[in-house]
Amino acid sequence: MIFEDSAAATIEAKTLSDLVNALNKAYTAAEEIYANQMKISLSELRLLRLFTDTSTIAVDTLVRLMDITAGRITHILTALEDAGYIERQQEKEDRRKIVVHVTPNTIGRLQEINDYFVAVHSSVLTAIDPDNKKLLIDTISSITSKIREGNVAFFKENTERKLTEDKPLRRRGSIRTKKYLGK
């Protein structure tokens, strides 16, 4: 097993899990405010936020960055295009490839959203002792990395066990499932 197996470690792990979950809920709530204001879904907002530093991204890159299927990306892009947030065009060099451009009005809105989240994080860092800022950033980075590694190992271990059972696995629409299974 990849996790420690003592009572103290279990309590600490539960506390960390609860804190990460609370942080995720708070962050999602903030994202939902902007998504509701823009009259788009959370997935659509998250895709748009990928355009913070660039105005053009290829569809295949969006699939990789969002880690969802090409069909789901197409659905999200169609909704965003219908709402006037993005435009799709064929690449001139390779007409099989599609690139996505954010519209000029969207660029300003994305800057506003990015500024909000930077301000939120800035206020958090301002409230922390300067000596602990680097520790906080390093710790969150380490936690994120370990959770990713742990998720992969835990998913593989539990998926192999479930594959031997009669119940089919529930598909979540993510290409991560295929990656974890090594397909």
Protein backbone atom coordinates (compact mmCIF):
# COMPACT_ATOMS: atom_id res chain seq x y z
CA MET A 1 0.00 0.00 0.00
CA ILE A 2 1.26 3.49 -0.79
CA PHE A 3 -0.03 5.22 2.35
CA GLU A 4 1.13 4.98 5.98
CA ASP A 5 -1.05 2.72 8.08
CA SER A 6 -1.11 4.13 11.61
CA ALA A 7 -3.90 5.84 13.54
CA ALA A 8 -2.01 9.16 13.72
CA ALA A 9 -1.22 9.08 10.01
CA THR A 10 -4.88 8.34 9.27
CA ILE A 11 -6.04 11.33 11.33
CA GLU A 12 -3.48 13.60 9.66
CA ALA A 13 -4.45 12.32 6.22
CA LYS A 14 -8.15 12.88 6.96
CA THR A 15 -7.40 16.43 8.16
CA LEU A 16 -5.38 17.15 5.01
CA SER A 17 -8.11 15.63 2.85
CA ASP A 18 -10.74 17.82 4.53
CA LEU A 19 -8.61 20.95 4.09
CA VAL A 20 -7.91 20.25 0.41
CA ASN A 21 -11.60 19.55 -0.13
CA ALA A 22 -12.56 22.83 1.59
CA LEU A 23 -10.01 24.74 -0.51
CA ASN A 24 -11.35 23.13 -3.67
CA LYS A 25 -14.94 24.03 -2.74
CA ALA A 26 -13.99 27.65 -2.00
CA TYR A 27 -12.08 27.98 -5.26
CA THR A 28 -14.91 26.36 -7.24
CA ALA A 29 -17.43 28.71 -5.62
CA ALA A 30 -15.39 31.70 -6.78
CA GLU A 31 -15.18 30.25 -10.30
CA GLU A 32 -18.93 29.62 -10.31
CA ILE A 33 -19.59 33.30 -9.59
CA TYR A 34 -17.78 34.28 -12.79
CA ALA A 35 -19.28 31.42 -14.79
CA ASN A 36 -22.79 32.49 -13.72
CA GLN A 37 -22.07 36.14 -14.56
CA MET A 38 -20.87 35.11 -18.01
CA LYS A 39 -23.77 32.64 -18.42
CA ILE A 40 -21.44 29.72 -19.11
CA SER A 41 -20.66 26.43 -17.39
CA LEU A 42 -17.74 25.87 -15.05
CA SER A 43 -16.03 23.70 -17.69
CA GLU A 44 -16.41 26.49 -20.22
CA LEU A 45 -14.89 29.00 -17.79
CA ARG A 46 -11.98 26.69 -17.03
CA LEU A 47 -11.30 26.26 -20.73
CA LEU A 48 -11.42 30.04 -21.27
CA ARG A 49 -8.97 30.57 -18.41
CA LEU A 50 -6.38 28.61 -20.41
CA PHE A 51 -6.25 31.67 -22.68
CA THR A 52 -4.93 33.96 -19.93
CA ASP A 53 -1.45 34.14 -21.47
CA THR A 54 -2.28 33.47 -25.12
CA SER A 55 -5.07 34.30 -27.54
CA THR A 56 -4.77 31.12 -29.65
CA ILE A 57 -4.64 27.44 -28.71
CA ALA A 58 -4.98 24.37 -30.97
CA VAL A 59 -7.86 22.00 -30.18
CA ASP A 60 -5.52 19.05 -29.64
CA THR A 61 -3.63 21.13 -27.07
CA LEU A 62 -6.90 21.97 -25.29
CA VAL A 63 -7.71 18.24 -25.10
CA ARG A 64 -4.34 17.61 -23.46
CA LEU A 65 -4.52 20.61 -21.09
CA MET A 66 -8.09 19.94 -19.95
CA ASP A 67 -7.52 16.17 -19.87
CA ILE A 68 -10.95 15.41 -21.31
CA THR A 69 -12.10 13.80 -24.53
CA ALA A 70 -12.05 15.57 -27.89
CA GLY A 71 -15.84 15.15 -28.03
CA ARG A 72 -16.28 16.98 -24.72
CA ILE A 73 -13.91 19.75 -25.88
CA THR A 74 -15.98 20.11 -29.07
CA HIS A 75 -19.15 20.45 -26.99
CA ILE A 76 -17.56 23.14 -24.79
CA LEU A 77 -16.14 25.01 -27.79
CA THR A 78 -19.50 24.99 -29.55
CA ALA A 79 -21.18 26.55 -26.51
CA LEU A 80 -18.44 29.18 -26.18
CA GLU A 81 -18.55 29.96 -29.89
CA ASP A 82 -22.34 30.32 -29.81
CA ALA A 83 -21.95 32.74 -26.87
CA GLY A 84 -19.36 34.79 -28.80
CA TYR A 85 -16.38 34.07 -26.53
CA ILE A 86 -14.24 32.19 -29.05
CA GLU A 87 -13.83 31.52 -32.76
CA ARG A 88 -12.54 28.35 -34.41
CA GLN A 89 -10.48 28.31 -37.60
CA GLN A 90 -8.66 25.72 -39.64
CA GLU A 91 -4.88 26.05 -39.61
CA LYS A 92 -3.59 27.28 -42.94
CA GLU A 93 -0.60 24.88 -42.99
CA ASP A 94 -2.61 21.78 -42.01
CA ARG A 95 -6.33 22.03 -42.70
CA ARG A 96 -7.00 18.98 -40.50
CA LYS A 97 -6.09 21.02 -37.42
CA ILE A 98 -8.39 23.52 -35.73
CA VAL A 99 -7.17 26.48 -33.70
CA VAL A 100 -9.26 28.42 -31.23
CA HIS A 101 -9.03 32.20 -30.83
CA VAL A 102 -10.62 34.22 -28.05
CA THR A 103 -12.58 37.24 -29.23
CA PRO A 104 -11.32 40.75 -28.34
CA ASN A 105 -14.12 41.25 -25.76
CA THR A 106 -13.19 37.97 -24.09
CA ILE A 107 -9.57 39.04 -23.57
CA GLY A 108 -10.64 41.91 -21.28
CA ARG A 109 -13.00 39.67 -19.34
CA LEU A 110 -10.28 37.03 -18.86
CA GLN A 111 -7.90 39.68 -17.57
CA GLU A 112 -10.54 40.75 -15.03
CA ILE A 113 -10.99 37.14 -13.86
CA ASN A 114 -7.23 36.57 -13.65
CA ASP A 115 -6.77 39.82 -11.71
CA TYR A 116 -9.43 38.69 -9.23
CA PHE A 117 -7.75 35.35 -8.53
CA VAL A 118 -4.31 36.98 -8.29
CA ALA A 119 -5.75 39.48 -5.78
CA VAL A 120 -7.26 36.65 -3.72
CA HIS A 121 -3.94 34.81 -3.60
CA SER A 122 -2.07 38.03 -2.93
CA SER A 123 -4.27 38.73 0.10
CA VAL A 124 -3.54 35.22 1.39
CA LEU A 125 0.22 35.74 0.98
CA THR A 126 0.05 39.19 2.59
CA ALA A 127 -1.43 37.64 5.72
CA ILE A 128 1.44 35.16 6.01
CA ASP A 129 4.78 35.80 7.67
CA PRO A 130 7.39 36.45 4.93
CA ASP A 131 9.53 33.53 6.11
CA ASN A 132 6.59 31.16 5.67
CA LYS A 133 5.55 32.24 2.15
CA LYS A 134 8.11 30.09 0.37
CA LEU A 135 7.30 27.20 2.71
CA LEU A 136 3.60 27.53 1.89
CA ILE A 137 4.21 27.59 -1.86
CA ASP A 138 6.65 24.67 -1.68
CA THR A 139 4.26 22.69 0.53
CA ILE A 140 1.27 23.21 -1.77
CA SER A 141 3.42 22.27 -4.75
CA SER A 142 4.59 19.12 -2.98
CA ILE A 143 1.05 18.19 -1.90
CA THR A 144 -0.23 18.65 -5.45
CA SER A 145 2.55 16.49 -6.85
CA LYS A 146 2.08 13.75 -4.25
CA ILE A 147 -1.69 13.70 -4.73
CA ARG A 148 -1.20 13.27 -8.48
CA GLU A 149 1.31 10.47 -7.93
CA GLY A 150 -0.87 8.87 -5.26
CA ASN A 151 -3.98 9.10 -7.41
CA VAL A 152 -2.27 7.30 -10.26
CA ALA A 153 -0.95 4.49 -8.03
CA PHE A 154 -4.18 4.23 -6.01
CA PHE A 155 -6.34 4.27 -9.16
CA LYS A 156 -4.25 1.56 -10.83
CA GLU A 157 -4.35 -0.65 -7.72
CA ASN A 158 -8.10 -0.29 -7.20
CA THR A 159 -8.99 -0.48 -10.89
CA GLU A 160 -7.14 -3.77 -11.30
CA ARG A 161 -9.08 -5.13 -8.34
CA LYS A 162 -12.42 -3.90 -9.74
CA LEU A 163 -11.70 -5.26 -13.21
CA THR A 164 -11.78 -8.74 -11.72
CA GLU A 165 -15.24 -8.08 -10.26
CA ASP A 166 -18.46 -8.43 -12.26
CA LYS A 167 -19.40 -4.73 -11.99
CA PRO A 168 -18.37 -2.50 -14.92
CA LEU A 169 -16.34 0.62 -14.18
CA ARG A 170 -18.23 3.88 -14.36
CA ARG A 171 -16.91 6.08 -17.17
CA ARG A 172 -16.41 9.73 -16.25
CA GLY A 173 -15.72 11.09 -19.74
CA SER A 174 -12.05 11.66 -19.00
CA ILE A 175 -9.12 10.38 -20.97
CA ARG A 176 -7.34 10.05 -17.61
CA THR A 177 -9.08 6.70 -17.13
CA LYS A 178 -7.40 5.31 -20.23
CA LYS A 179 -4.03 6.75 -19.19
CA TYR A 180 -4.24 5.17 -15.74
CA LEU A 181 -5.15 1.81 -17.22
CA GLY A 182 -2.22 2.05 -19.61
CA LYS A 183 -4.41 1.97 -22.74
